[in-house]
Amino acid sequence: ANHLALFGIGRYTGSQTSTKLKVTGIDLFSAGDFMGGEGTEEIVLSDPFGGVYKKLVLRGNKLVQTSYFGEDEAA
């Protein structure tokens, strides 16, 4: 993608591990660095009554983690 976008040569450095589970009818997905840490920004949507939790972790302009728990009407 870097080469096609004329940003130079990019090298594949491996993939992030992701997990998707369906336990007793509840969807759960997580990929990336869950804890984030210094220099990261977290965006969280938590709806305990609706049973939904969503979290994004950003470092700079890059998404480094996403997690999702609960039912999604769009899925």
N, C-alpha and C. Protein backbone atom coordinates (compact mmCIF):
# COMPACT_ATOMS: atom_id res chain seq x y z
N ALA A 1 0.83 -1.19 0.00
CA ALA A 1 0.00 0.00 0.00
C ALA A 1 0.87 1.25 0.00
N ASN A 2 1.97 1.23 0.78
CA ASN A 2 2.87 2.39 0.79
C ASN A 2 3.43 2.66 -0.59
N HIS A 3 3.83 1.61 -1.28
CA HIS A 3 4.42 1.75 -2.61
C HIS A 3 3.38 2.30 -3.59
N LEU A 4 2.17 1.76 -3.56
CA LEU A 4 1.13 2.22 -4.48
C LEU A 4 0.72 3.66 -4.21
N ALA A 5 0.80 4.09 -2.95
CA ALA A 5 0.43 5.46 -2.59
C ALA A 5 1.62 6.41 -2.73
N LEU A 6 2.74 5.91 -3.26
CA LEU A 6 3.95 6.70 -3.47
C LEU A 6 4.54 7.24 -2.17
N PHE A 7 4.40 6.46 -1.07
CA PHE A 7 4.99 6.83 0.21
C PHE A 7 6.31 6.11 0.44
N GLY A 8 6.82 5.42 -0.57
CA GLY A 8 8.07 4.69 -0.42
C GLY A 8 7.80 3.19 -0.31
N ILE A 9 8.83 2.47 0.02
CA ILE A 9 8.75 1.02 0.14
C ILE A 9 8.34 0.66 1.56
N GLY A 10 7.35 -0.20 1.69
CA GLY A 10 6.92 -0.68 3.00
C GLY A 10 7.26 -2.15 3.13
N ARG A 11 7.58 -2.56 4.32
CA ARG A 11 7.91 -3.96 4.57
C ARG A 11 6.87 -4.54 5.52
N TYR A 12 6.49 -5.79 5.27
CA TYR A 12 5.55 -6.48 6.14
C TYR A 12 6.26 -6.86 7.43
N THR A 13 5.75 -6.39 8.56
CA THR A 13 6.39 -6.66 9.84
C THR A 13 5.56 -7.59 10.71
N GLY A 14 4.54 -8.20 10.14
CA GLY A 14 3.72 -9.14 10.90
C GLY A 14 2.34 -8.58 11.16
N SER A 15 1.46 -9.45 11.59
CA SER A 15 0.08 -9.06 11.84
C SER A 15 -0.20 -9.02 13.33
N GLN A 16 -1.18 -8.20 13.70
CA GLN A 16 -1.66 -8.18 15.08
C GLN A 16 -2.59 -9.37 15.28
N THR A 17 -2.52 -9.96 16.44
CA THR A 17 -3.40 -11.06 16.77
C THR A 17 -4.77 -10.52 17.14
N SER A 18 -5.81 -11.17 16.65
CA SER A 18 -7.16 -10.78 17.02
C SER A 18 -7.91 -11.99 17.54
N THR A 19 -8.93 -11.72 18.32
CA THR A 19 -9.74 -12.77 18.89
C THR A 19 -11.20 -12.41 18.74
N LYS A 20 -12.00 -13.36 18.30
CA LYS A 20 -13.44 -13.16 18.22
C LYS A 20 -14.09 -14.38 18.85
N LEU A 21 -14.89 -14.13 19.89
CA LEU A 21 -15.56 -15.21 20.61
C LEU A 21 -17.06 -14.98 20.61
N LYS A 22 -17.79 -16.04 20.66
CA LYS A 22 -19.23 -15.95 20.86
C LYS A 22 -19.54 -16.90 22.01
N VAL A 23 -19.80 -16.31 23.18
CA VAL A 23 -20.04 -17.09 24.38
C VAL A 23 -21.47 -16.84 24.83
N THR A 24 -22.27 -17.86 24.85
CA THR A 24 -23.65 -17.79 25.29
C THR A 24 -24.38 -16.63 24.62
N GLY A 25 -24.18 -16.47 23.33
CA GLY A 25 -24.92 -15.45 22.59
C GLY A 25 -24.38 -14.04 22.71
N ILE A 26 -23.19 -13.86 23.33
CA ILE A 26 -22.61 -12.53 23.49
C ILE A 26 -21.38 -12.43 22.59
N ASP A 27 -21.33 -11.41 21.76
CA ASP A 27 -20.19 -11.21 20.87
C ASP A 27 -19.06 -10.51 21.60
N LEU A 28 -17.82 -10.96 21.36
CA LEU A 28 -16.63 -10.35 21.94
C LEU A 28 -15.54 -10.36 20.89
N PHE A 29 -14.90 -9.21 20.68
CA PHE A 29 -13.81 -9.11 19.71
C PHE A 29 -12.73 -8.21 20.29
N SER A 30 -11.47 -8.58 20.12
CA SER A 30 -10.36 -7.76 20.58
C SER A 30 -9.17 -7.96 19.66
N ALA A 31 -8.50 -6.85 19.32
CA ALA A 31 -7.30 -6.93 18.49
C ALA A 31 -6.37 -5.80 18.88
N GLY A 32 -5.09 -6.09 18.96
CA GLY A 32 -4.10 -5.05 19.20
C GLY A 32 -3.66 -4.96 20.65
N ASP A 33 -3.09 -3.81 21.00
CA ASP A 33 -2.50 -3.53 22.31
C ASP A 33 -3.58 -3.00 23.25
N PHE A 34 -4.22 -3.88 24.03
CA PHE A 34 -5.38 -3.52 24.83
C PHE A 34 -5.09 -2.44 25.86
N MET A 35 -3.92 -2.48 26.50
CA MET A 35 -3.63 -1.56 27.58
C MET A 35 -3.22 -0.17 27.09
N GLY A 36 -2.76 -0.05 25.86
CA GLY A 36 -2.37 1.27 25.37
C GLY A 36 -1.10 1.75 26.03
N GLY A 37 -1.22 2.60 27.04
CA GLY A 37 -0.06 3.10 27.76
C GLY A 37 0.20 4.56 27.47
N GLU A 38 1.38 5.01 27.86
CA GLU A 38 1.75 6.41 27.70
C GLU A 38 1.77 6.78 26.22
N GLY A 39 1.26 7.95 25.91
CA GLY A 39 1.24 8.43 24.53
C GLY A 39 0.06 7.94 23.72
N THR A 40 -0.91 7.30 24.40
CA THR A 40 -2.09 6.81 23.69
C THR A 40 -3.33 7.56 24.15
N GLU A 41 -4.35 7.49 23.33
CA GLU A 41 -5.65 8.08 23.65
C GLU A 41 -6.69 6.97 23.54
N GLU A 42 -7.57 6.90 24.52
CA GLU A 42 -8.61 5.88 24.52
C GLU A 42 -9.97 6.53 24.26
N ILE A 43 -10.74 5.91 23.40
CA ILE A 43 -12.12 6.31 23.14
C ILE A 43 -12.99 5.14 23.56
N VAL A 44 -13.88 5.37 24.53
CA VAL A 44 -14.68 4.28 25.09
C VAL A 44 -16.16 4.63 25.01
N LEU A 45 -16.95 3.67 24.56
CA LEU A 45 -18.40 3.75 24.61
C LEU A 45 -18.85 2.60 25.51
N SER A 46 -19.48 2.96 26.62
CA SER A 46 -19.94 1.95 27.57
C SER A 46 -21.42 2.16 27.83
N ASP A 47 -22.22 1.15 27.54
CA ASP A 47 -23.66 1.19 27.79
C ASP A 47 -24.02 -0.05 28.61
N PRO A 48 -23.89 0.05 29.95
CA PRO A 48 -24.17 -1.12 30.79
C PRO A 48 -25.61 -1.63 30.66
N PHE A 49 -26.55 -0.73 30.46
CA PHE A 49 -27.95 -1.16 30.34
C PHE A 49 -28.20 -1.87 29.01
N GLY A 50 -27.51 -1.44 27.97
CA GLY A 50 -27.64 -2.09 26.67
C GLY A 50 -26.71 -3.27 26.50
N GLY A 51 -25.76 -3.45 27.46
CA GLY A 51 -24.83 -4.57 27.40
C GLY A 51 -23.79 -4.42 26.31
N VAL A 52 -23.36 -3.17 26.05
CA VAL A 52 -22.38 -2.92 24.98
C VAL A 52 -21.18 -2.16 25.54
N TYR A 53 -19.98 -2.56 25.14
CA TYR A 53 -18.74 -1.88 25.49
C TYR A 53 -17.86 -1.86 24.25
N LYS A 54 -17.40 -0.68 23.87
CA LYS A 54 -16.52 -0.54 22.71
C LYS A 54 -15.35 0.35 23.12
N LYS A 55 -14.15 -0.02 22.66
CA LYS A 55 -12.95 0.74 23.03
C LYS A 55 -11.99 0.80 21.84
N LEU A 56 -11.48 1.98 21.59
CA LEU A 56 -10.43 2.20 20.60
C LEU A 56 -9.23 2.79 21.33
N VAL A 57 -8.03 2.36 20.98
CA VAL A 57 -6.81 2.95 21.51
C VAL A 57 -6.03 3.50 20.32
N LEU A 58 -5.72 4.79 20.39
CA LEU A 58 -5.00 5.48 19.31
C LEU A 58 -3.63 5.91 19.81
N ARG A 59 -2.64 5.79 18.95
CA ARG A 59 -1.30 6.32 19.21
C ARG A 59 -0.96 7.18 18.01
N GLY A 60 -0.90 8.49 18.24
CA GLY A 60 -0.74 9.41 17.12
C GLY A 60 -1.99 9.34 16.27
N ASN A 61 -1.85 9.13 15.00
CA ASN A 61 -2.99 9.01 14.08
C ASN A 61 -3.28 7.57 13.72
N LYS A 62 -2.77 6.61 14.52
CA LYS A 62 -2.94 5.20 14.19
C LYS A 62 -3.78 4.48 15.24
N LEU A 63 -4.64 3.61 14.77
CA LEU A 63 -5.42 2.74 15.64
C LEU A 63 -4.53 1.58 16.05
N VAL A 64 -4.28 1.41 17.36
CA VAL A 64 -3.41 0.33 17.83
C VAL A 64 -4.19 -0.77 18.55
N GLN A 65 -5.48 -0.52 18.85
CA GLN A 65 -6.28 -1.53 19.53
C GLN A 65 -7.75 -1.22 19.34
N THR A 66 -8.54 -2.28 19.25
CA THR A 66 -9.99 -2.15 19.27
C THR A 66 -10.56 -3.35 20.01
N SER A 67 -11.60 -3.09 20.78
CA SER A 67 -12.30 -4.20 21.43
C SER A 67 -13.79 -3.89 21.45
N TYR A 68 -14.57 -4.95 21.47
CA TYR A 68 -16.00 -4.83 21.37
C TYR A 68 -16.64 -5.95 22.18
N PHE A 69 -17.64 -5.60 22.97
CA PHE A 69 -18.36 -6.59 23.77
C PHE A 69 -19.85 -6.26 23.71
N GLY A 70 -20.67 -7.23 23.43
CA GLY A 70 -22.11 -7.03 23.46
C GLY A 70 -22.76 -7.31 22.13
N GLU A 71 -24.03 -7.04 22.08
CA GLU A 71 -24.79 -7.27 20.87
C GLU A 71 -24.83 -6.00 20.03
N ASP A 72 -24.74 -6.18 18.73
CA ASP A 72 -24.75 -5.06 17.80
C ASP A 72 -25.92 -5.23 16.86
N GLU A 73 -26.81 -4.26 16.82
CA GLU A 73 -27.98 -4.34 15.96
C GLU A 73 -27.57 -4.39 14.48
N ALA A 74 -26.41 -3.79 14.13
CA ALA A 74 -25.98 -3.74 12.74
C ALA A 74 -25.34 -5.05 12.28
N ALA A 75 -24.93 -5.90 13.21
CA ALA A 75 -24.20 -7.12 12.84
C ALA A 75 -25.07 -8.18 12.26
